[in-house]
């Protein structure tokens, strides 16, 4: 899936975190639908990044 920028397997619920890059909300819906149709995803929770901060080294 070209929209996937990173995938993390994590401890606890949920089991994985997928960072996706999409054009707009409709594209996001299409990506989520594609993940669900793949058959191995049993549920999704959508979070959107509204801002970011990083520490300079």
C-alpha atoms as a PDB file:
ATOM      1  CA  UNK A   1       0.000   0.000   0.000  1.00  0.00           C
ATOM      2  CA  UNK A   2       1.800   3.168  -1.163  1.00  0.00           C
ATOM      3  CA  UNK A   3       0.044   5.358   1.425  1.00  0.00           C
ATOM      4  CA  UNK A   4       1.733   3.477   4.290  1.00  0.00           C
ATOM      5  CA  UNK A   5       4.745   5.477   5.476  1.00  0.00           C
ATOM      6  CA  UNK A   6       5.612   3.316   8.491  1.00  0.00           C
ATOM      7  CA  UNK A   7       4.244   0.267  10.313  1.00  0.00           C
ATOM      8  CA  UNK A   8       4.959  -0.450  13.978  1.00  0.00           C
ATOM      9  CA  UNK A   9       4.107  -3.683  15.804  1.00  0.00           C
ATOM     10  CA  UNK A  10       3.375  -2.641  19.382  1.00  0.00           C
ATOM     11  CA  UNK A  11       2.645  -4.232  22.758  1.00  0.00           C
ATOM     12  CA  UNK A  12      -0.898  -3.914  24.044  1.00  0.00           C
ATOM     13  CA  UNK A  13      -4.011  -2.859  22.195  1.00  0.00           C
ATOM     14  CA  UNK A  14      -3.914  -2.069  19.347  1.00  0.00           C
ATOM     15  CA  UNK A  15      -1.456  -4.613  17.917  1.00  0.00           C
ATOM     16  CA  UNK A  16      -0.070  -2.346  15.224  1.00  0.00           C
ATOM     17  CA  UNK A  17       0.246   1.321  14.315  1.00  0.00           C
ATOM     18  CA  UNK A  18       0.256   2.288  10.644  1.00  0.00           C
ATOM     19  CA  UNK A  19       1.318   5.795   9.647  1.00  0.00           C
ATOM     20  CA  UNK A  20      -0.379   6.708   6.354  1.00  0.00           C
ATOM     21  CA  UNK A  21      -0.178   9.767   4.135  1.00  0.00           C
ATOM     22  CA  UNK A  22      -3.405  10.717   2.337  1.00  0.00           C
ATOM     23  CA  UNK A  23      -4.655  13.611   0.191  1.00  0.00           C
ATOM     24  CA  UNK A  24      -7.897  14.245   2.021  1.00  0.00           C
ATOM     25  CA  UNK A  25     -10.620  12.652   4.152  1.00  0.00           C
ATOM     26  CA  UNK A  26     -12.109  10.731   1.211  1.00  0.00           C
ATOM     27  CA  UNK A  27      -8.705   9.244   0.410  1.00  0.00           C
ATOM     28  CA  UNK A  28      -8.340   8.317   4.098  1.00  0.00           C
ATOM     29  CA  UNK A  29     -11.680   6.490   3.949  1.00  0.00           C
ATOM     30  CA  UNK A  30     -10.529   4.586   0.874  1.00  0.00           C
ATOM     31  CA  UNK A  31      -7.276   3.542   2.574  1.00  0.00           C
ATOM     32  CA  UNK A  32      -9.096   2.390   5.725  1.00  0.00           C
ATOM     33  CA  UNK A  33     -11.602   0.442   3.613  1.00  0.00           C
ATOM     34  CA  UNK A  34      -8.727  -1.225   1.736  1.00  0.00           C
ATOM     35  CA  UNK A  35      -7.072  -2.234   5.030  1.00  0.00           C
ATOM     36  CA  UNK A  36     -10.330  -3.725   6.284  1.00  0.00           C
ATOM     37  CA  UNK A  37     -10.961  -5.610   3.019  1.00  0.00           C
ATOM     38  CA  UNK A  38      -7.500  -7.197   3.182  1.00  0.00           C
ATOM     39  CA  UNK A  39      -8.970  -9.715   5.627  1.00  0.00           C
ATOM     40  CA  UNK A  40      -6.293  -9.599   8.323  1.00  0.00           C
ATOM     41  CA  UNK A  41      -7.438  -6.356   9.976  1.00  0.00           C
ATOM     42  CA  UNK A  42     -10.193  -6.943  12.524  1.00  0.00           C
ATOM     43  CA  UNK A  43     -10.669  -3.317  13.538  1.00  0.00           C
ATOM     44  CA  UNK A  44      -9.295   0.168  13.103  1.00  0.00           C
ATOM     45  CA  UNK A  45      -8.984   3.353  15.130  1.00  0.00           C
ATOM     46  CA  UNK A  46      -8.194   6.563  13.296  1.00  0.00           C
ATOM     47  CA  UNK A  47      -6.088   9.344  14.801  1.00  0.00           C
ATOM     48  CA  UNK A  48      -5.035  12.473  12.922  1.00  0.00           C
ATOM     49  CA  UNK A  49      -1.886  14.494  13.582  1.00  0.00           C
ATOM     50  CA  UNK A  50      -2.792  18.173  13.985  1.00  0.00           C
ATOM     51  CA  UNK A  51       0.700  19.367  14.795  1.00  0.00           C
ATOM     52  CA  UNK A  52       4.140  18.080  15.668  1.00  0.00           C
ATOM     53  CA  UNK A  53       7.247  18.873  17.656  1.00  0.00           C
ATOM     54  CA  UNK A  54      10.701  17.335  17.637  1.00  0.00           C
ATOM     55  CA  UNK A  55      13.684  17.846  19.893  1.00  0.00           C
ATOM     56  CA  UNK A  56      16.798  19.144  18.160  1.00  0.00           C
ATOM     57  CA  UNK A  57      19.842  16.942  18.692  1.00  0.00           C
END
